[in-house]
């Protein structure tokens, strides 16, 4: 019964998050439109509410002629691995709200996050495209850079709460944001890189007139990559609210952090890759370690 219960919770969480993704994409296009003094999508459905579903249908029915696809079997491994990791994110998200106590739940977040680098490498390496290969190396190393900071933040949160259980963070307002404001802003930089969002979307490059990792993908594989990216954005928006605030404000702050991704895309210029990686390894890691010893 427990296995069936976990499956149903994970399925419900996946459906809920995918519905959120559909309207979040629409909201992003609307907000970007008004930031650029235009309306955004408003033709399909009432004020454009069905635009995301129309785009989904368009993406699914598109296909390439099989003999002209510049991808190998390794690219499918990357797509399936990314979809699997997204489903695992949904299961962990559902478990945190189900009331089931798991003292190591945040460690499972760390394990799943560390696996995304392998999916990025498979996605780029499985394409017969040098730009995709360079993009996958940049994205994977940026993901590793964020995971080092992610581990330090989880250690600090566990020292404050007393274990690695998310339920304890959800039940009380720990307000780590007020204790570690600098770490909070560094964390925001990290999740931008982990989710491949502007200004740290290193899966693409301004000097390359291609789409980075997704250059050789279309149809269902591209739809999976697109949907998983936004699903992971929601998960990390929720996790940021849980780690740094907690309590009853998690839902509202999750939406605020999701809007932060949109604001960053519309406002911030892209940061040079070597500057970002050098800063995170030389200064951010040392700062996180200092906070760990300070909490101890």
Protein backbone atom coordinates (compact mmCIF):
# COMPACT_ATOMS: atom_id res chain seq x y z
CA UNK A 1 0.00 0.00 0.00
CA UNK A 2 2.85 2.38 0.75
CA UNK A 3 4.26 1.89 -2.76
CA UNK A 4 0.86 2.61 -4.33
CA UNK A 5 0.47 5.64 -2.08
CA UNK A 6 3.84 7.02 -3.17
CA UNK A 7 3.01 6.37 -6.83
CA UNK A 8 -0.33 8.19 -6.62
CA UNK A 9 1.26 11.11 -4.77
CA UNK A 10 4.02 11.36 -7.36
CA UNK A 11 1.52 11.16 -10.23
CA UNK A 12 -0.64 13.89 -8.72
CA UNK A 13 2.43 16.09 -8.12
CA UNK A 14 3.61 15.55 -11.72
CA UNK A 15 0.20 16.51 -13.15
CA UNK A 16 -0.01 19.55 -10.88
CA UNK A 17 3.48 20.78 -11.77
CA UNK A 18 2.95 20.23 -15.51
CA UNK A 19 -0.26 22.30 -15.36
CA UNK A 20 1.73 24.97 -13.54
CA UNK A 21 4.39 24.78 -16.25
CA UNK A 22 1.80 25.30 -19.00
CA UNK A 23 0.48 28.49 -17.44
CA UNK A 24 3.91 29.58 -16.24
CA UNK A 25 5.15 29.57 -19.85
CA UNK A 26 2.15 31.70 -20.80
CA UNK A 27 2.77 34.01 -17.85
CA UNK A 28 6.43 34.33 -18.81
CA UNK A 29 5.59 35.31 -22.36
CA UNK A 30 2.99 37.80 -21.11
CA UNK A 31 5.35 39.41 -18.56
CA UNK A 32 8.19 39.56 -21.08
CA UNK A 33 5.80 41.15 -23.55
CA UNK A 34 4.75 43.90 -21.15
CA UNK A 35 8.37 44.48 -20.11
CA UNK A 36 9.18 45.03 -23.80
CA UNK A 37 6.05 47.20 -24.32
CA UNK A 38 4.06 44.63 -26.30
CA UNK A 39 1.12 42.41 -25.42
CA UNK A 40 2.45 38.90 -25.78
CA UNK A 41 0.30 35.96 -26.94
CA UNK A 42 -3.42 36.84 -26.89
CA UNK A 43 -5.03 35.08 -29.88
CA UNK A 44 -5.51 31.43 -28.90
CA UNK A 45 -8.36 31.20 -26.40
CA UNK A 46 -9.52 33.99 -24.11
CA UNK A 47 -6.60 36.46 -23.64
CA UNK A 48 -4.30 33.68 -24.87
CA UNK A 49 -5.01 31.12 -22.10
CA UNK A 50 -4.82 28.20 -24.54
CA UNK A 51 -1.58 29.35 -26.21
CA UNK A 52 0.61 26.90 -24.27
CA UNK A 53 -1.56 23.94 -25.26
CA UNK A 54 -1.50 25.03 -28.91
CA UNK A 55 2.30 25.29 -28.77
CA UNK A 56 2.47 21.81 -27.20
CA UNK A 57 0.42 20.34 -30.06
CA UNK A 58 2.62 22.10 -32.61
CA UNK A 59 5.81 20.77 -31.01
CA UNK A 60 4.53 17.20 -30.74
CA UNK A 61 3.42 16.87 -34.37
CA UNK A 62 6.72 18.20 -35.75
CA UNK A 63 9.29 15.61 -36.80
CA UNK A 64 12.51 15.19 -38.75
CA UNK A 65 13.10 12.84 -41.62
CA UNK A 66 14.88 9.87 -39.94
CA UNK A 67 17.90 9.80 -42.26
CA UNK A 68 18.56 13.51 -41.65
CA UNK A 69 18.65 13.35 -37.85
CA UNK A 70 22.15 14.12 -36.58
CA UNK A 71 21.73 12.27 -33.29
CA UNK A 72 22.80 8.90 -31.89
CA UNK A 73 21.30 6.56 -29.31
CA UNK A 74 23.20 8.45 -26.59
CA UNK A 75 20.98 11.48 -27.14
CA UNK A 76 17.91 9.39 -26.33
CA UNK A 77 19.63 8.24 -23.14
CA UNK A 78 20.05 11.88 -22.14
CA UNK A 79 16.40 12.71 -22.86
CA UNK A 80 15.08 9.69 -20.97
CA UNK A 81 17.44 10.33 -18.04
CA UNK A 82 16.30 13.94 -17.78
CA UNK A 83 12.63 12.90 -17.85
CA UNK A 84 13.32 10.25 -15.21
CA UNK A 85 15.08 12.78 -12.95
CA UNK A 86 12.16 15.18 -13.36
CA UNK A 87 9.74 12.45 -12.27
CA UNK A 88 11.96 11.73 -9.25
CA UNK A 89 11.84 15.44 -8.38
CA UNK A 90 8.04 15.20 -8.43
CA UNK A 91 8.09 12.13 -6.17
CA UNK A 92 10.33 13.89 -3.63
CA UNK A 93 8.09 16.97 -3.85
CA UNK A 94 5.02 14.82 -3.16
CA UNK A 95 6.70 13.01 -0.24
CA UNK A 96 7.48 16.32 1.46
CA UNK A 97 3.75 17.17 1.57
CA UNK A 98 2.47 13.67 2.30
CA UNK A 99 3.49 13.73 5.96
CA UNK A 100 5.80 10.73 5.57
CA UNK A 101 8.95 11.33 7.64
CA UNK A 102 12.18 10.78 5.73
CA UNK A 103 15.22 12.06 7.59
CA UNK A 104 17.37 12.00 4.43
CA UNK A 105 14.98 13.63 1.96
CA UNK A 106 17.23 16.62 1.26
CA UNK A 107 20.11 14.27 0.53
CA UNK A 108 17.96 12.67 -2.17
CA UNK A 109 17.59 16.15 -3.68
CA UNK A 110 21.38 16.38 -3.77
CA UNK A 111 21.69 12.98 -5.47
CA UNK A 112 19.11 13.78 -8.14
CA UNK A 113 20.68 17.19 -8.80
CA UNK A 114 24.10 15.59 -9.26
CA UNK A 115 22.66 13.28 -11.94
CA UNK A 116 21.53 16.16 -14.17
CA UNK A 117 25.14 16.69 -15.28
CA UNK A 118 25.16 13.22 -16.85
CA UNK A 119 21.95 13.97 -18.74
CA UNK A 120 23.46 17.21 -20.10
CA UNK A 121 26.59 15.39 -21.25
CA UNK A 122 24.50 12.72 -22.98
CA UNK A 123 22.29 15.29 -24.68
CA UNK A 124 25.22 17.16 -26.22
CA UNK A 125 27.62 14.28 -26.79
CA UNK A 126 24.93 12.24 -28.51
CA UNK A 127 24.59 14.85 -31.25
CA UNK A 128 26.92 15.02 -34.23
CA UNK A 129 27.35 18.74 -33.65
CA UNK A 130 30.40 20.50 -32.21
CA UNK A 131 28.28 23.34 -30.81
CA UNK A 132 26.12 20.89 -28.88
CA UNK A 133 29.28 19.24 -27.52
CA UNK A 134 30.67 22.56 -26.28
CA UNK A 135 27.29 23.45 -24.79
CA UNK A 136 27.03 20.17 -22.89
CA UNK A 137 30.51 20.63 -21.38
CA UNK A 138 29.68 24.17 -20.26
CA UNK A 139 26.32 23.13 -18.81
CA UNK A 140 27.67 20.06 -17.02
CA UNK A 141 30.55 21.96 -15.40
CA UNK A 142 28.19 24.78 -14.40
CA UNK A 143 25.91 22.18 -12.83
CA UNK A 144 28.85 20.74 -10.86
CA UNK A 145 29.72 24.26 -9.71
CA UNK A 146 26.22 24.77 -8.36
CA UNK A 147 26.12 21.36 -6.69
CA UNK A 148 29.11 22.26 -4.52
CA UNK A 149 27.24 25.31 -3.22
CA UNK A 150 24.02 23.29 -2.98
CA UNK A 151 25.72 20.79 -0.68
CA UNK A 152 26.98 23.54 1.63
CA UNK A 153 23.51 25.14 1.89
CA UNK A 154 21.93 21.77 2.71
CA UNK A 155 24.52 21.21 5.45
CA UNK A 156 23.75 24.61 6.98
CA UNK A 157 19.99 23.96 6.82
CA UNK A 158 20.44 20.52 8.38
CA UNK A 159 22.54 21.98 11.20
CA UNK A 160 19.78 24.48 11.96
CA UNK A 161 16.88 22.02 11.73
CA UNK A 162 18.65 19.00 13.19
CA UNK A 163 18.14 16.57 10.28
CA UNK A 164 17.82 16.41 6.50
CA UNK A 165 14.02 16.20 6.50
CA UNK A 166 12.05 18.77 4.47
CA UNK A 167 8.98 18.32 6.70
CA UNK A 168 10.75 20.10 9.54
CA UNK A 169 11.47 23.09 7.30
CA UNK A 170 7.86 23.18 6.05
CA UNK A 171 6.34 23.09 9.52
CA UNK A 172 8.23 26.11 10.92
CA UNK A 173 9.48 29.50 9.74
CA UNK A 174 13.25 29.13 10.14
CA UNK A 175 14.01 32.35 8.22
CA UNK A 176 17.51 31.41 7.14
CA UNK A 177 17.19 34.30 4.69
CA UNK A 178 17.70 36.75 7.58
CA UNK A 179 20.62 34.75 8.98
CA UNK A 180 22.45 34.23 5.66
CA UNK A 181 21.37 36.94 3.18
CA UNK A 182 24.62 36.69 1.21
CA UNK A 183 24.24 32.93 0.84
CA UNK A 184 20.69 33.50 -0.35
CA UNK A 185 21.80 35.71 -3.24
CA UNK A 186 24.58 33.30 -4.15
CA UNK A 187 21.99 30.51 -4.12
CA UNK A 188 19.84 32.52 -6.56
CA UNK A 189 22.83 32.75 -8.92
CA UNK A 190 23.31 29.00 -8.62
CA UNK A 191 19.72 28.06 -9.47
CA UNK A 192 19.85 30.30 -12.54
CA UNK A 193 22.84 28.27 -13.74
CA UNK A 194 21.29 24.92 -12.75
CA UNK A 195 18.07 25.68 -14.64
CA UNK A 196 19.95 27.08 -17.70
CA UNK A 197 18.31 30.47 -17.43
CA UNK A 198 19.51 33.91 -18.47
CA UNK A 199 22.00 35.38 -17.62
CA UNK A 200 23.69 32.05 -16.83
CA UNK A 201 22.23 29.92 -19.64
CA UNK A 202 25.56 28.44 -20.68
CA UNK A 203 23.92 25.75 -22.79
CA UNK A 204 23.84 28.52 -25.40
CA UNK A 205 26.38 31.15 -26.34
CA UNK A 206 26.03 34.53 -27.96
CA UNK A 207 28.76 33.75 -30.51
CA UNK A 208 26.95 30.61 -31.70
CA UNK A 209 23.86 31.09 -33.88
CA UNK A 210 22.41 27.77 -32.71
CA UNK A 211 20.26 26.62 -29.82
CA UNK A 212 22.99 24.90 -27.84
CA UNK A 213 21.99 21.52 -26.46
CA UNK A 214 18.64 21.49 -28.26
CA UNK A 215 20.04 22.20 -31.74
CA UNK A 216 19.46 18.71 -33.10
CA UNK A 217 16.18 18.07 -31.26
CA UNK A 218 12.60 18.60 -32.39
CA UNK A 219 9.17 17.13 -31.82
CA UNK A 220 8.73 14.99 -28.72
CA UNK A 221 12.42 15.05 -27.56
CA UNK A 222 12.51 18.84 -27.71
CA UNK A 223 9.16 19.02 -25.90
CA UNK A 224 10.57 16.82 -23.12
CA UNK A 225 13.65 19.03 -22.78
CA UNK A 226 11.53 22.18 -22.75
CA UNK A 227 9.01 20.87 -20.20
CA UNK A 228 11.66 19.38 -17.90
CA UNK A 229 13.53 22.68 -17.80
CA UNK A 230 10.45 24.52 -16.55
CA UNK A 231 9.55 21.70 -14.16
CA UNK A 232 13.00 21.92 -12.57
CA UNK A 233 12.55 25.70 -12.33
CA UNK A 234 9.40 25.18 -10.27
CA UNK A 235 11.09 22.59 -8.05
CA UNK A 236 14.02 24.88 -7.29
CA UNK A 237 11.70 27.85 -6.71
CA UNK A 238 9.86 25.75 -4.14
CA UNK A 239 13.09 24.42 -2.61
CA UNK A 240 14.49 27.94 -2.27
CA UNK A 241 11.39 29.00 -0.35
CA UNK A 242 11.60 25.91 1.88
CA UNK A 243 15.30 26.26 2.70
CA UNK A 244 15.47 29.99 3.34
CA UNK A 245 12.03 30.81 4.77
CA UNK A 246 9.79 27.78 5.38
CA UNK A 247 6.40 27.70 7.05
CA UNK A 248 3.16 29.05 5.59
CA UNK A 249 4.90 31.46 3.22
CA UNK A 250 6.32 28.72 0.99
CA UNK A 251 3.54 28.80 -1.61
CA UNK A 252 3.67 32.57 -2.07
CA UNK A 253 7.45 32.69 -2.19
CA UNK A 254 7.51 29.84 -4.71
CA UNK A 255 5.53 32.02 -7.12
CA UNK A 256 7.79 34.98 -6.32
CA UNK A 257 10.92 32.97 -7.11
CA UNK A 258 9.33 31.72 -10.34
CA UNK A 259 8.74 35.36 -11.32
CA UNK A 260 12.38 36.03 -10.43
CA UNK A 261 13.41 33.70 -13.30
CA UNK A 262 11.32 35.81 -15.69
CA UNK A 263 12.70 39.09 -14.37
CA UNK A 264 16.27 37.82 -14.71
CA UNK A 265 15.65 36.80 -18.31
CA UNK A 266 14.20 40.21 -19.20
CA UNK A 267 16.69 42.37 -17.32
CA UNK A 268 20.15 40.92 -16.67
CA UNK A 269 22.91 40.69 -19.30
CA UNK A 270 24.73 37.39 -19.80
CA UNK A 271 27.76 36.93 -17.56
CA UNK A 272 31.00 35.55 -18.94
CA UNK A 273 31.37 31.85 -18.21
CA UNK A 274 34.91 32.02 -16.82
CA UNK A 275 33.99 34.91 -14.51
CA UNK A 276 31.03 33.00 -13.06
CA UNK A 277 32.90 29.71 -12.55
CA UNK A 278 35.96 31.44 -11.08
CA UNK A 279 33.83 33.47 -8.67
CA UNK A 280 31.85 30.45 -7.47
CA UNK A 281 34.90 28.26 -6.88
CA UNK A 282 37.23 30.95 -5.46
CA UNK A 283 34.84 32.97 -3.29
CA UNK A 284 31.36 31.47 -2.99
CA UNK A 285 32.53 28.05 -1.75
CA UNK A 286 34.79 29.68 0.85
CA UNK A 287 31.90 31.83 2.03
CA UNK A 288 29.59 28.83 2.37
CA UNK A 289 32.25 26.92 4.32
CA UNK A 290 32.67 29.92 6.61
CA UNK A 291 28.94 29.89 7.34
CA UNK A 292 29.09 26.16 8.10
CA UNK A 293 31.78 26.73 10.74
CA UNK A 294 29.85 29.78 12.01
CA UNK A 295 26.69 27.71 12.53
CA UNK A 296 28.66 24.89 14.18
